[in-house]
Amino acid sequence: MTAIRLLARPLLASAFVAGGVSALKNAPALAIKAKPVVDRIRPSLEKAAPQVKLPDDTVTLVRVNAGVQILAAVALARGRAPRLSSTVLAASLLPTTVAGHQFWNETDPEARANQKVHFFKNLSMLGGLVLASVDTEGRPGVAWRARHVASGARREARHVAKQAKLEARLAAKSIGQ
């Protein structure tokens, strides 16, 4: 791991550890803000994964989200499965941002400005997480490896076909003589 990754991953993860701990402590208050968002996305989640039973209690969902954020943030900070952990954090950040920072619903200009700053801060963090989720640390990614294998297979198939034609011509010549 390079020095920049050694430094950047814990920095990016720190906000999620702090936010997750805070969410665990304040789950009932956060659940009130989260309920409208949960009610909106619950049907889609249940349709997408009917085998997963979501808790009916929004407080429990807030706590689960907080736990997921803490675990994924610790994994990212330690460099353990960084692409997966940053993807999990990105997925958990979306509902958190929409539920927690609805600046468009604020009537007080100061509260609106504050929520807007937090909303766009979260979008910035989302951008960092997206970058972290595709960082292959200089090694070829799965897509490149698949293309490389396919390219090698095509090259090998052309070579085998060329060899077969050459051997067929040689065999035809030897039979014809």
Protein backbone atom coordinates (compact mmCIF):
# COMPACT_ATOMS: atom_id res chain seq x y z
CA MET A 1 0.00 0.00 0.00
CA THR A 2 1.35 3.41 -0.92
CA ALA A 3 1.81 6.15 1.65
CA ILE A 4 -1.01 8.18 0.13
CA ARG A 5 -3.48 5.30 0.50
CA LEU A 6 -2.18 4.62 4.01
CA LEU A 7 -3.08 8.20 4.89
CA ALA A 8 -6.16 8.82 2.71
CA ARG A 9 -8.21 5.77 3.65
CA PRO A 10 -8.30 6.46 7.41
CA LEU A 11 -9.02 10.13 6.73
CA LEU A 12 -11.98 9.22 4.54
CA ALA A 13 -13.18 6.57 6.98
CA SER A 14 -12.94 8.77 10.09
CA ALA A 15 -16.14 10.67 9.30
CA PHE A 16 -18.06 7.39 9.07
CA VAL A 17 -16.76 6.08 12.38
CA ALA A 18 -17.66 9.35 14.12
CA GLY A 19 -21.03 9.55 12.34
CA GLY A 20 -21.82 5.91 13.10
CA VAL A 21 -21.03 6.28 16.79
CA SER A 22 -23.14 9.44 16.93
CA ALA A 23 -26.01 7.67 15.15
CA LEU A 24 -25.89 4.80 17.64
CA LYS A 25 -26.11 7.26 20.52
CA ASN A 26 -28.90 9.34 18.93
CA ALA A 27 -30.82 6.64 17.06
CA PRO A 28 -34.32 7.60 18.30
CA ALA A 29 -33.93 11.24 17.23
CA LEU A 30 -32.42 10.27 13.88
CA ALA A 31 -35.16 7.71 13.29
CA ILE A 32 -37.75 10.49 13.23
CA LYS A 33 -35.88 12.17 10.35
CA ALA A 34 -35.22 8.83 8.64
CA LYS A 35 -38.80 7.51 8.76
CA PRO A 36 -40.11 9.33 5.64
CA VAL A 37 -37.12 8.15 3.61
CA VAL A 38 -37.39 4.60 4.95
CA ASP A 39 -41.10 4.53 4.14
CA ARG A 40 -40.33 5.66 0.57
CA ILE A 41 -37.54 3.16 -0.15
CA ARG A 42 -38.85 0.17 1.83
CA PRO A 43 -41.11 -1.12 -1.01
CA SER A 44 -38.22 -1.02 -3.48
CA LEU A 45 -35.90 -2.83 -1.07
CA GLU A 46 -38.49 -5.48 -0.30
CA LYS A 47 -39.13 -5.96 -4.01
CA ALA A 48 -35.42 -6.16 -4.84
CA ALA A 49 -34.61 -8.60 -2.02
CA PRO A 50 -37.81 -10.33 -0.82
CA GLN A 51 -35.83 -12.89 1.18
CA VAL A 52 -34.37 -10.13 3.42
CA LYS A 53 -36.69 -9.21 6.27
CA LEU A 54 -36.29 -5.52 7.11
CA PRO A 55 -37.08 -4.50 10.67
CA ASP A 56 -40.30 -2.50 10.99
CA ASP A 57 -38.69 -0.29 13.61
CA THR A 58 -36.89 2.70 12.07
CA VAL A 59 -34.69 3.05 15.17
CA THR A 60 -33.34 -0.45 14.50
CA LEU A 61 -32.65 0.45 10.86
CA VAL A 62 -30.75 3.57 11.96
CA ARG A 63 -28.68 1.42 14.33
CA VAL A 64 -28.03 -1.19 11.63
CA ASN A 65 -26.93 1.53 9.22
CA ALA A 66 -24.64 2.99 11.90
CA GLY A 67 -23.12 -0.41 12.60
CA VAL A 68 -22.56 -1.06 8.91
CA GLN A 69 -20.89 2.32 8.54
CA ILE A 70 -18.59 1.72 11.52
CA LEU A 71 -17.57 -1.77 10.34
CA ALA A 72 -17.02 -0.70 6.74
CA ALA A 73 -15.13 2.43 7.84
CA VAL A 74 -12.80 0.42 10.07
CA ALA A 75 -12.18 -2.02 7.21
CA LEU A 76 -11.46 0.85 4.82
CA ALA A 77 -9.16 2.58 7.31
CA ARG A 78 -7.19 -0.65 7.80
CA GLY A 79 -7.03 -1.36 4.07
CA ARG A 80 -9.12 -4.54 4.39
CA ALA A 81 -11.29 -5.07 1.32
CA PRO A 82 -11.08 -1.34 0.53
CA ARG A 83 -13.10 -1.52 -2.67
CA LEU A 84 -15.94 -3.43 -1.03
CA SER A 85 -15.92 -1.35 2.15
CA SER A 86 -15.97 1.93 0.21
CA THR A 87 -18.85 0.63 -1.92
CA VAL A 88 -20.79 -0.30 1.24
CA LEU A 89 -20.10 3.14 2.71
CA ALA A 90 -21.27 4.83 -0.49
CA ALA A 91 -24.48 2.79 -0.47
CA SER A 92 -25.14 3.65 3.18
CA LEU A 93 -24.34 7.32 2.66
CA LEU A 94 -27.11 7.91 0.12
CA PRO A 95 -30.11 7.31 2.39
CA THR A 96 -28.28 8.97 5.29
CA THR A 97 -27.76 12.12 3.23
CA VAL A 98 -31.31 12.27 1.90
CA ALA A 99 -32.82 11.64 5.33
CA GLY A 100 -30.50 13.80 7.36
CA HIS A 101 -29.87 16.86 5.25
CA GLN A 102 -33.08 17.89 3.50
CA PHE A 103 -32.12 21.52 3.01
CA TRP A 104 -34.96 21.96 0.52
CA ASN A 105 -37.48 21.49 3.37
CA GLU A 106 -35.89 24.07 5.69
CA THR A 107 -37.62 27.43 6.08
CA ASP A 108 -35.06 29.06 8.38
CA PRO A 109 -32.28 30.53 6.15
CA GLU A 110 -29.53 29.67 8.65
CA ALA A 111 -30.71 26.07 9.09
CA ARG A 112 -31.14 25.77 5.33
CA ALA A 113 -27.57 26.96 4.72
CA ASN A 114 -26.25 24.55 7.37
CA GLN A 115 -28.12 21.58 5.90
CA LYS A 116 -26.98 22.53 2.40
CA VAL A 117 -23.33 22.50 3.51
CA HIS A 118 -23.75 19.05 5.08
CA PHE A 119 -25.63 17.74 2.04
CA PHE A 120 -22.87 18.80 -0.36
CA LYS A 121 -20.15 17.64 2.06
CA ASN A 122 -21.76 14.21 1.91
CA LEU A 123 -21.84 14.35 -1.88
CA SER A 124 -18.13 15.17 -1.83
CA MET A 125 -17.50 12.20 0.45
CA LEU A 126 -19.55 10.08 -1.94
CA GLY A 127 -17.19 11.12 -4.72
CA GLY A 128 -14.19 10.05 -2.66
CA LEU A 129 -15.85 6.73 -1.89
CA VAL A 130 -16.61 6.12 -5.56
CA LEU A 131 -12.95 6.73 -6.38
CA ALA A 132 -11.88 4.41 -3.57
CA SER A 133 -14.29 1.74 -4.80
CA VAL A 134 -12.61 1.60 -8.21
CA ASP A 135 -9.01 1.98 -6.98
CA THR A 136 -7.10 -1.12 -8.00
CA GLU A 137 -3.87 0.13 -6.42
CA GLY A 138 -2.12 0.02 -9.77
CA ARG A 139 -3.00 -3.60 -10.36
CA PRO A 140 -5.21 -4.59 -13.25
CA GLY A 141 -8.89 -4.71 -12.40
CA VAL A 142 -11.26 -7.58 -13.09
CA ALA A 143 -12.54 -5.99 -16.31
CA TRP A 144 -9.01 -5.58 -17.68
CA ARG A 145 -8.10 -9.13 -16.70
CA ALA A 146 -11.20 -10.50 -18.43
CA ARG A 147 -10.42 -8.55 -21.61
CA HIS A 148 -6.80 -9.68 -21.45
CA VAL A 149 -7.78 -13.34 -21.07
CA ALA A 150 -10.29 -13.04 -23.93
CA SER A 151 -7.70 -11.36 -26.13
CA GLY A 152 -5.18 -14.09 -25.35
CA ALA A 153 -7.75 -16.78 -26.10
CA ARG A 154 -8.57 -15.18 -29.48
CA ARG A 155 -4.86 -14.91 -30.31
CA GLU A 156 -4.32 -18.56 -29.35
CA ALA A 157 -7.37 -19.65 -31.40
CA ARG A 158 -5.99 -17.82 -34.49
CA HIS A 159 -2.62 -19.48 -33.97
CA VAL A 160 -4.16 -22.94 -33.63
CA ALA A 161 -6.31 -22.37 -36.74
CA LYS A 162 -3.27 -21.21 -38.72
CA GLN A 163 -1.28 -24.26 -37.57
CA ALA A 164 -4.17 -26.58 -38.47
CA LYS A 165 -4.39 -25.12 -42.00
CA LEU A 166 -0.64 -25.45 -42.46
CA GLU A 167 -0.68 -29.06 -41.29
CA ALA A 168 -3.70 -29.78 -43.50
CA ARG A 169 -1.83 -28.39 -46.54
CA LEU A 170 1.24 -30.43 -45.70
CA ALA A 171 -0.87 -33.55 -45.25
CA ALA A 172 -2.66 -32.90 -48.57
CA LYS A 173 0.67 -32.47 -50.35
CA SER A 174 2.08 -35.65 -48.87
CA ILE A 175 -1.05 -37.61 -49.87
CA GLY A 176 -1.08 -36.11 -53.38
CA GLN A 177 2.49 -37.12 -54.15
